[in-house]
Amino acid sequence: MHLRSFNIASLCRQVASICTEQTRIGPNISRSLFSRSAVGDRSLSELQSCTTVAQLSSKPGGASSRRHLLGQDLLAQARVHSHYATSTSSASQATASPSGQNDYNRRLILVDAHALLYRSHFGFSGQRLATVSGEDTSISYGFLSTVLRLLEIQEPPTHFAVVMDHHGKTFRHEMYSDYKAQRPPMPDAMKLAIPKIQVLLEILSIPVLRVAGVEADDVIGTVAKRAIEDGFLVAIASPDKDFFQMLRPGLQLLRPPKKDARDGPGIVAGFVAYNSDAFREDYGIEPWQWPHVLGLMGDASDNVPGVKGIGSKGALALIQQYGTIEGVLSNASEVKRKSQREELQSVKGMQQASLSHKLVTIQSDVDLPPVRVPWESLELKAPKEENLAAIEKALGDLEFKQHSQRFTKIWAAMKAAASAASH
């Protein structure tokens, strides 16, 4: 079994932060979306050195007994919570290799459609786009523009999927009936735009994943984990902070910039490339600990309760100190703020912390056929010749002339790459 880079990096970061003075690794974000620096890879020798330091730091002596035990517990938690363990599937074992030893010839982008559709809708709230006939095309225009930018990056993806939410309830609604209960109804403009966008994506030969009873986040989490295990480089395009928990070597997030910046350091296709090193620099914890932070603070956008009286700063400080929600609850009597201490010691507070943690944890083991599709079905290919007329008409009806021209260039590049690979 290979020793995966997450376990080493997590051990080093967590134990060293408890037992020794931690020197942070700053974010190293490259203009190239799929470069090793952009996804936060480290060399094998660097990770081995890190392991040695962490193992020495975890030995008793100098630190208090409680801190030593907490360090041991965090080491165990890193292994338990790791999404990066070697896969047991024969396909994954055949392709998985230690960090830095993959060729990374396969590159996958997963698009969080729901979040980006809403962003397109509100991005045109001041002045809507419309055809000569009066059809509102704002959402379609904004969303297709995003897809095009992702397809036009320097090292284009070899695989791609737009992941959409399915109507209906999921296991989270069964777990907590008020999950997302406060959300207003979907805007009418989005209800009209989504079916049209689905048709467009189909005729454009852009793969779409949509699974009944499963949230898009869990579909993305499962496909991303599979892809990492099978040697892909992966990027998730989404503004949703829930995906911080998915960060690992070989995977990064593409997040909208705080300001309307389309170029500059760290900006890729109009997105900020964000990796696990940048996350550690910003939050001082490991990505797998992020659901523990969310579990304490809650998530108003999804109506996740969290623990009363604990906000984002308080939750982060507690996880930095105690590592996990279990660690916080076990040491609740030591929490300095009285209101937080009492709430964490109460039955209701403990129940809400546990429930909230389950609600915000992205499932990465969905075992349904639409999620377990062969990689060939997500491979980017130019549309068939017989579909070109329908594509031209569809984009023409929407008056997306520039989009049509850009797709034509992308398809020409795909055909050229496929031809070169076959010779």
Protein backbone atom coordinates (compact mmCIF):
# COMPACT_ATOMS: atom_id res chain seq x y z
CA MET A 1 0.00 0.00 0.00
CA HIS A 2 1.30 3.43 -0.90
CA LEU A 3 1.65 6.01 1.85
CA ARG A 4 -0.58 8.76 0.53
CA SER A 5 0.43 12.40 0.79
CA PHE A 6 -2.62 13.50 2.76
CA ASN A 7 -1.79 11.37 5.78
CA ILE A 8 1.74 12.71 5.90
CA ALA A 9 0.80 16.33 5.35
CA SER A 10 -2.06 16.16 7.83
CA LEU A 11 0.09 14.47 10.48
CA CYS A 12 2.81 17.06 10.00
CA ARG A 13 0.47 20.02 10.13
CA GLN A 14 -1.64 18.90 13.06
CA VAL A 15 0.98 17.42 15.39
CA ALA A 16 3.56 20.10 14.70
CA SER A 17 1.00 22.82 15.45
CA ILE A 18 0.46 21.25 18.89
CA CYS A 19 3.99 20.23 19.85
CA THR A 20 6.29 22.54 17.91
CA GLU A 21 6.40 25.94 16.26
CA GLN A 22 4.76 25.48 12.84
CA THR A 23 6.26 27.14 9.79
CA ARG A 24 3.45 27.68 7.34
CA ILE A 25 3.63 26.77 3.69
CA GLY A 26 2.34 29.71 1.67
CA PRO A 27 0.05 29.29 -1.27
CA ASN A 28 1.83 28.59 -4.52
CA ILE A 29 -0.73 29.21 -7.22
CA SER A 30 0.20 28.98 -10.85
CA ARG A 31 -1.35 30.55 -13.91
CA SER A 32 -1.59 27.04 -15.34
CA LEU A 33 -4.71 25.42 -13.92
CA PHE A 34 -3.36 21.88 -13.85
CA SER A 35 0.25 22.50 -12.80
CA ARG A 36 1.58 20.64 -9.75
CA SER A 37 2.06 23.88 -7.81
CA ALA A 38 -1.53 24.85 -8.50
CA VAL A 39 -2.91 21.67 -6.98
CA GLY A 40 -0.65 21.66 -3.96
CA ASP A 41 1.54 18.63 -4.65
CA ARG A 42 4.68 18.07 -2.65
CA SER A 43 7.74 15.99 -3.42
CA LEU A 44 8.00 12.54 -1.86
CA SER A 45 11.25 13.46 -0.06
CA GLU A 46 9.63 16.59 1.39
CA LEU A 47 6.72 14.56 2.69
CA GLN A 48 9.01 11.92 4.18
CA SER A 49 10.90 14.67 6.00
CA CYS A 50 7.60 16.03 7.23
CA THR A 51 6.63 12.59 8.54
CA THR A 52 9.85 12.32 10.54
CA VAL A 53 9.30 15.71 12.17
CA ALA A 54 5.71 14.85 13.01
CA GLN A 55 6.61 11.46 14.46
CA LEU A 56 9.25 13.06 16.68
CA SER A 57 6.79 15.76 17.71
CA SER A 58 4.18 13.19 18.71
CA LYS A 59 6.49 11.54 21.27
CA PRO A 60 5.92 12.41 24.96
CA GLY A 61 8.32 14.69 26.73
CA GLY A 62 8.28 18.46 26.99
CA ALA A 63 4.60 18.77 26.09
CA SER A 64 1.85 18.12 28.59
CA SER A 65 0.26 14.67 28.76
CA ARG A 66 -3.03 16.03 27.45
CA ARG A 67 -1.40 17.66 24.45
CA HIS A 68 0.49 14.46 23.67
CA LEU A 69 -2.74 12.46 23.76
CA LEU A 70 -4.47 15.08 21.62
CA GLY A 71 -1.62 14.82 19.11
CA GLN A 72 -2.03 11.04 18.99
CA ASP A 73 -5.77 11.48 18.56
CA LEU A 74 -5.31 13.90 15.67
CA LEU A 75 -2.98 11.44 13.98
CA ALA A 76 -5.71 8.80 14.26
CA GLN A 77 -8.35 11.27 13.09
CA ALA A 78 -6.25 12.14 10.05
CA ARG A 79 -6.27 8.49 9.05
CA VAL A 80 -9.96 7.98 9.82
CA HIS A 81 -11.16 11.11 8.04
CA SER A 82 -8.76 10.84 5.12
CA HIS A 83 -10.49 10.65 1.76
CA TYR A 84 -7.15 9.91 0.16
CA ALA A 85 -6.48 6.35 1.26
CA THR A 86 -5.52 3.89 -1.45
CA SER A 87 -8.60 2.60 -3.20
CA THR A 88 -9.51 -1.06 -2.90
CA SER A 89 -10.78 -1.19 -6.47
CA SER A 90 -8.51 -2.96 -8.93
CA ALA A 91 -8.90 -0.14 -11.43
CA SER A 92 -7.79 2.46 -8.90
CA GLN A 93 -4.91 0.35 -7.60
CA ALA A 94 -3.62 -0.05 -11.12
CA THR A 95 -3.42 3.70 -11.70
CA ALA A 96 -2.89 5.29 -8.28
CA SER A 97 0.66 6.27 -7.38
CA PRO A 98 2.40 8.35 -4.71
CA SER A 99 2.21 12.12 -5.00
CA GLY A 100 4.48 13.43 -7.70
CA GLN A 101 4.65 10.17 -9.67
CA ASN A 102 1.56 10.58 -11.86
CA ASP A 103 1.86 11.71 -15.46
CA TYR A 104 -1.40 13.61 -15.06
CA ASN A 105 -2.34 13.23 -18.71
CA ARG A 106 -6.01 13.18 -17.71
CA ARG A 107 -7.49 16.40 -16.41
CA LEU A 108 -11.05 16.70 -15.12
CA ILE A 109 -13.15 19.79 -14.41
CA LEU A 110 -16.39 19.40 -12.45
CA VAL A 111 -18.81 22.33 -12.65
CA ASP A 112 -21.19 23.08 -9.77
CA ALA A 113 -24.04 24.10 -12.06
CA HIS A 114 -26.57 25.20 -9.45
CA ALA A 115 -24.23 27.68 -7.76
CA LEU A 116 -22.98 29.12 -11.06
CA LEU A 117 -26.50 29.38 -12.52
CA TYR A 118 -27.56 31.47 -9.54
CA ARG A 119 -24.43 33.57 -9.97
CA SER A 120 -25.32 34.15 -13.63
CA HIS A 121 -28.88 35.09 -12.69
CA PHE A 122 -27.93 37.68 -10.08
CA GLY A 123 -24.97 38.89 -12.14
CA PHE A 124 -27.44 40.32 -14.66
CA SER A 125 -29.95 41.61 -12.11
CA GLY A 126 -29.28 45.22 -13.08
CA GLN A 127 -29.59 44.85 -16.85
CA ARG A 128 -30.93 41.67 -18.42
CA LEU A 129 -29.93 40.34 -21.82
CA ALA A 130 -32.65 39.54 -24.31
CA THR A 131 -33.06 38.53 -27.94
CA VAL A 132 -34.81 40.70 -30.52
CA SER A 133 -37.97 38.70 -29.83
CA GLY A 134 -37.73 39.50 -26.10
CA GLU A 135 -36.50 36.15 -24.77
CA ASP A 136 -34.40 36.59 -21.60
CA THR A 137 -31.02 34.99 -22.27
CA SER A 138 -29.04 36.35 -19.31
CA ILE A 139 -28.62 33.08 -17.42
CA SER A 140 -27.83 31.02 -20.51
CA TYR A 141 -25.31 33.61 -21.68
CA GLY A 142 -23.56 33.85 -18.31
CA PHE A 143 -23.42 30.10 -17.74
CA LEU A 144 -22.18 29.23 -21.24
CA SER A 145 -19.57 31.98 -20.94
CA THR A 146 -18.27 30.28 -17.80
CA VAL A 147 -18.16 26.89 -19.51
CA LEU A 148 -16.31 28.37 -22.46
CA ARG A 149 -13.68 30.00 -20.24
CA LEU A 150 -13.06 26.65 -18.56
CA LEU A 151 -12.68 24.90 -21.92
CA GLU A 152 -10.31 27.58 -23.22
CA ILE A 153 -7.64 27.37 -20.50
CA GLN A 154 -4.00 26.80 -21.49
CA GLU A 155 -3.95 23.10 -20.59
CA PRO A 156 -7.57 22.25 -21.45
CA PRO A 157 -9.40 19.51 -19.57
CA THR A 158 -9.51 16.09 -21.15
CA HIS A 159 -12.67 15.26 -19.16
CA PHE A 160 -15.51 17.52 -18.09
CA ALA A 161 -18.89 17.33 -16.39
CA VAL A 162 -21.59 19.83 -15.53
CA VAL A 163 -23.17 18.52 -12.32
CA MET A 164 -26.78 19.57 -11.71
CA ASP A 165 -29.12 19.13 -8.76
CA HIS A 166 -32.11 16.84 -9.20
CA HIS A 167 -35.55 17.83 -7.99
CA GLY A 168 -36.72 16.19 -4.77
CA LYS A 169 -35.46 15.45 -1.28
CA THR A 170 -32.25 13.71 -0.26
CA PHE A 171 -31.03 11.77 2.77
CA ARG A 172 -30.27 15.11 4.48
CA HIS A 173 -33.99 15.99 4.47
CA GLU A 174 -34.69 12.65 6.11
CA MET A 175 -32.03 13.39 8.71
CA TYR A 176 -33.25 16.96 9.32
CA SER A 177 -36.68 18.01 8.05
CA ASP A 178 -35.80 21.73 8.12
CA TYR A 179 -32.77 21.28 5.84
CA LYS A 180 -32.82 24.19 3.35
CA ALA A 181 -36.38 24.95 4.51
CA GLN A 182 -35.77 28.70 4.66
CA ARG A 183 -34.73 29.04 1.02
CA PRO A 184 -37.01 31.10 -1.22
CA PRO A 185 -38.43 29.44 -4.34
CA MET A 186 -36.20 29.32 -7.40
CA PRO A 187 -36.59 32.48 -9.52
CA ASP A 188 -38.90 32.03 -12.52
CA ALA A 189 -36.11 33.09 -14.88
CA MET A 190 -33.99 30.17 -13.67
CA LYS A 191 -36.87 27.71 -13.96
CA LEU A 192 -37.23 28.70 -17.61
CA ALA A 193 -33.49 28.76 -18.34
CA ILE A 194 -32.38 25.42 -16.85
CA PRO A 195 -34.23 23.07 -19.27
CA LYS A 196 -32.93 25.10 -22.22
CA ILE A 197 -29.39 24.95 -20.88
CA GLN A 198 -29.66 21.18 -20.43
CA VAL A 199 -30.69 20.81 -24.08
CA LEU A 200 -27.84 23.08 -25.17
CA LEU A 201 -25.28 21.09 -23.19
CA GLU A 202 -26.53 17.85 -24.71
CA ILE A 203 -26.25 19.00 -28.32
CA LEU A 204 -22.88 20.61 -27.53
CA SER A 205 -21.64 17.16 -26.39
CA ILE A 206 -20.84 18.47 -22.90
CA PRO A 207 -21.36 15.71 -20.31
CA VAL A 208 -24.00 16.34 -17.63
CA LEU A 209 -24.43 14.42 -14.36
CA ARG A 210 -27.74 14.57 -12.49
CA VAL A 211 -28.76 11.90 -9.96
CA ALA A 212 -32.19 11.52 -8.36
CA GLY A 213 -32.07 11.66 -4.56
CA VAL A 214 -28.44 12.86 -4.49
CA GLU A 215 -27.25 16.44 -4.13
CA ALA A 216 -24.84 17.76 -6.72
CA ASP A 217 -22.21 18.28 -3.98
CA ASP A 218 -22.18 14.55 -3.24
CA VAL A 219 -22.00 13.66 -6.93
CA ILE A 220 -19.05 16.02 -7.33
CA GLY A 221 -17.41 14.65 -4.17
CA THR A 222 -17.72 11.04 -5.32
CA VAL A 223 -16.55 11.65 -8.89
CA ALA A 224 -13.65 13.83 -7.69
CA LYS A 225 -12.48 11.18 -5.23
CA ARG A 226 -12.66 8.45 -7.88
CA ALA A 227 -10.74 10.62 -10.33
CA ILE A 228 -7.96 11.40 -7.85
CA GLU A 229 -7.60 7.70 -7.05
CA ASP A 230 -7.40 6.94 -10.77
CA GLY A 231 -4.58 9.42 -11.41
CA PHE A 232 -6.49 12.47 -12.69
CA LEU A 233 -5.82 16.09 -11.88
CA VAL A 234 -9.15 17.57 -10.77
CA ALA A 235 -10.59 21.06 -10.51
CA ILE A 236 -14.02 21.90 -9.05
CA ALA A 237 -15.55 25.14 -10.34
CA SER A 238 -17.75 26.48 -7.55
CA PRO A 239 -18.07 29.43 -5.16
CA ASP A 240 -19.33 27.06 -2.42
CA LYS A 241 -17.01 26.91 0.61
CA ASP A 242 -18.32 23.44 1.48
CA PHE A 243 -15.88 22.12 -1.12
CA PHE A 244 -12.92 23.21 1.01
CA GLN A 245 -13.17 19.77 2.63
CA MET A 246 -12.38 18.15 -0.75
CA LEU A 247 -8.99 19.87 -1.16
CA ARG A 248 -6.05 17.50 -1.43
CA PRO A 249 -2.96 16.89 -3.58
CA GLY A 250 -4.19 16.68 -7.16
CA LEU A 251 -7.38 18.68 -6.55
CA GLN A 252 -8.07 22.39 -6.41
CA LEU A 253 -11.08 24.69 -6.43
CA LEU A 254 -11.86 27.38 -8.96
CA ARG A 255 -13.64 30.14 -7.04
CA PRO A 256 -15.00 33.47 -8.30
CA PRO A 257 -12.70 36.36 -7.33
CA LYS A 258 -13.81 38.81 -4.65
CA LYS A 259 -13.78 41.58 -7.20
CA ASP A 260 -14.62 41.48 -10.89
CA ALA A 261 -11.08 40.53 -11.87
CA ARG A 262 -10.56 38.48 -15.01
CA ASP A 263 -6.77 38.43 -14.96
CA GLY A 264 -3.85 38.64 -12.58
CA PRO A 265 -1.94 36.36 -10.17
CA GLY A 266 -3.88 33.23 -9.35
CA ILE A 267 -6.73 34.01 -11.77
CA VAL A 268 -7.58 31.17 -14.15
CA ALA A 269 -10.48 31.53 -16.60
CA GLY A 270 -11.97 34.26 -14.43
CA PHE A 271 -11.67 32.10 -11.30
CA VAL A 272 -9.26 32.10 -8.36
CA ALA A 273 -7.31 28.84 -8.30
CA TYR A 274 -7.39 27.70 -4.66
CA ASN A 275 -5.46 24.70 -3.31
CA SER A 276 -4.84 22.94 -0.01
CA ASP A 277 -1.72 24.99 0.77
CA ALA A 278 -3.70 28.22 0.37
CA PHE A 279 -6.42 26.79 2.62
CA ARG A 280 -3.92 25.96 5.37
CA GLU A 281 -2.46 29.46 5.08
CA ASP A 282 -5.93 31.02 5.41
CA TYR A 283 -7.40 28.82 8.15
CA GLY A 284 -4.56 27.04 9.95
CA ILE A 285 -6.26 23.63 9.80
CA GLU A 286 -6.45 20.70 7.40
CA PRO A 287 -9.19 20.53 4.73
CA TRP A 288 -10.75 17.43 6.31
CA GLN A 289 -11.40 19.50 9.46
CA TRP A 290 -13.56 22.02 7.60
CA PRO A 291 -16.85 20.12 8.20
CA HIS A 292 -16.03 20.24 11.91
CA VAL A 293 -15.83 24.04 11.71
CA LEU A 294 -19.11 24.19 9.77
CA GLY A 295 -20.70 21.77 12.21
CA LEU A 296 -20.05 24.16 15.09
CA MET A 297 -20.91 27.43 13.33
CA GLY A 298 -23.77 26.11 11.20
CA ASP A 299 -24.63 27.20 7.67
CA ALA A 300 -27.45 29.71 7.27
CA SER A 301 -27.68 29.17 3.50
CA ASP A 302 -28.66 25.50 4.05
CA ASN A 303 -30.45 26.08 7.38
CA VAL A 304 -27.88 23.96 9.23
CA PRO A 305 -28.25 24.92 12.91
CA GLY A 306 -24.75 24.53 14.32
CA VAL A 307 -24.23 25.28 18.02
CA LYS A 308 -25.95 28.33 19.43
CA GLY A 309 -23.58 31.19 20.19
CA ILE A 310 -20.66 29.87 18.14
CA GLY A 311 -19.83 31.86 15.01
CA SER A 312 -17.23 31.38 12.32
CA LYS A 313 -14.28 32.77 14.31
CA GLY A 314 -15.18 30.87 17.47
CA ALA A 315 -15.71 27.62 15.57
CA LEU A 316 -12.37 27.92 13.78
CA ALA A 317 -10.53 28.69 17.03
CA LEU A 318 -12.05 25.65 18.74
CA ILE A 319 -11.13 23.29 15.89
CA GLN A 320 -7.62 24.75 15.75
CA GLN A 321 -7.29 23.96 19.45
CA TYR A 322 -9.11 20.63 19.75
CA GLY A 323 -8.98 19.22 16.22
CA THR A 324 -12.50 17.82 15.81
CA ILE A 325 -16.03 18.28 17.13
CA GLU A 326 -15.47 15.19 19.26
CA GLY A 327 -12.36 16.85 20.69
CA VAL A 328 -14.28 20.06 21.40
CA LEU A 329 -17.10 18.21 23.17
CA SER A 330 -14.64 16.12 25.19
CA ASN A 331 -12.94 19.29 26.39
CA ALA A 332 -16.03 21.50 26.64
CA SER A 333 -15.36 22.23 30.33
CA GLU A 334 -12.16 24.04 29.30
CA VAL A 335 -13.83 26.41 26.79
CA LYS A 336 -13.24 29.93 28.11
CA ARG A 337 -16.42 31.68 26.98
CA LYS A 338 -19.19 30.78 29.41
CA SER A 339 -22.07 30.84 26.89
CA GLN A 340 -20.20 28.54 24.51
CA ARG A 341 -19.07 26.23 27.31
CA GLU A 342 -22.60 25.80 28.63
CA GLU A 343 -24.05 25.21 25.19
CA LEU A 344 -21.40 22.61 24.31
CA GLN A 345 -22.08 20.81 27.60
CA SER A 346 -25.83 20.76 27.04
CA VAL A 347 -27.61 17.80 25.43
CA LYS A 348 -29.09 20.04 22.74
CA GLY A 349 -25.72 21.59 21.91
CA MET A 350 -24.03 18.21 21.58
CA GLN A 351 -26.86 16.87 19.41
CA GLN A 352 -26.84 19.90 17.12
CA ALA A 353 -23.07 19.75 16.71
CA SER A 354 -23.23 16.09 15.71
CA LEU A 355 -26.21 16.58 13.39
CA SER A 356 -24.73 19.65 11.74
CA HIS A 357 -21.44 17.88 11.10
CA LYS A 358 -23.26 15.08 9.29
CA LEU A 359 -25.30 17.56 7.24
CA VAL A 360 -22.29 19.53 5.99
CA THR A 361 -20.05 16.54 5.23
CA ILE A 362 -19.89 15.87 1.50
CA GLN A 363 -20.45 12.21 0.71
CA SER A 364 -17.72 10.81 -1.51
CA ASP A 365 -18.91 7.22 -1.69
CA VAL A 366 -22.17 7.43 -3.64
CA ASP A 367 -22.56 4.04 -5.30
CA LEU A 368 -25.12 4.64 -8.04
CA PRO A 369 -24.70 3.96 -11.79
CA PRO A 370 -24.95 7.63 -12.88
CA VAL A 371 -22.04 8.47 -10.58
CA ARG A 372 -19.97 5.37 -11.35
CA VAL A 373 -19.90 6.08 -15.08
CA PRO A 374 -16.81 5.00 -17.05
CA TRP A 375 -14.36 7.82 -17.63
CA GLU A 376 -14.90 7.59 -21.39
CA SER A 377 -18.40 9.02 -20.92
CA LEU A 378 -16.93 12.21 -19.42
CA GLU A 379 -14.26 12.59 -22.09
CA LEU A 380 -14.50 15.84 -24.03
CA LYS A 381 -15.15 15.31 -27.71
CA ALA A 382 -16.20 17.48 -30.60
CA PRO A 383 -19.87 17.07 -31.56
CA LYS A 384 -20.80 14.76 -34.39
CA GLU A 385 -21.08 16.36 -37.81
CA GLU A 386 -24.81 15.67 -37.96
CA ASN A 387 -25.34 17.78 -34.82
CA LEU A 388 -23.56 20.90 -36.08
CA ALA A 389 -26.59 22.33 -37.83
CA ALA A 390 -28.72 21.95 -34.68
CA ILE A 391 -25.99 23.62 -32.61
CA GLU A 392 -25.69 26.52 -35.04
CA LYS A 393 -29.47 27.02 -34.98
CA ALA A 394 -29.72 26.81 -31.17
CA LEU A 395 -26.94 29.34 -30.60
CA GLY A 396 -28.26 31.48 -33.45
CA ASP A 397 -31.76 31.59 -31.94
CA LEU A 398 -30.20 32.83 -28.70
CA GLU A 399 -28.13 35.37 -30.69
CA PHE A 400 -24.89 33.97 -29.19
CA LYS A 401 -22.70 34.61 -32.23
CA GLN A 402 -19.45 34.93 -30.26
CA HIS A 403 -20.18 31.77 -28.31
CA SER A 404 -20.68 29.89 -31.56
CA GLN A 405 -17.33 31.08 -32.90
CA ARG A 406 -15.53 30.16 -29.67
CA PHE A 407 -17.02 26.65 -29.58
CA THR A 408 -15.93 26.13 -33.19
CA LYS A 409 -12.32 26.96 -32.26
CA ILE A 410 -12.46 24.63 -29.24
CA TRP A 411 -13.76 21.75 -31.34
CA ALA A 412 -11.07 22.31 -33.96
CA ALA A 413 -8.43 22.11 -31.22
CA MET A 414 -10.02 18.90 -29.86
CA LYS A 415 -9.96 17.28 -33.31
CA ALA A 416 -6.34 18.31 -33.83
CA ALA A 417 -5.34 16.89 -30.45
CA ALA A 418 -7.20 13.64 -31.11
CA SER A 419 -5.56 13.32 -34.53
CA ALA A 420 -2.10 13.93 -33.09
CA ALA A 421 -2.68 11.36 -30.33
CA SER A 422 -3.71 8.71 -32.86
CA HIS A 423 -0.48 9.04 -34.86
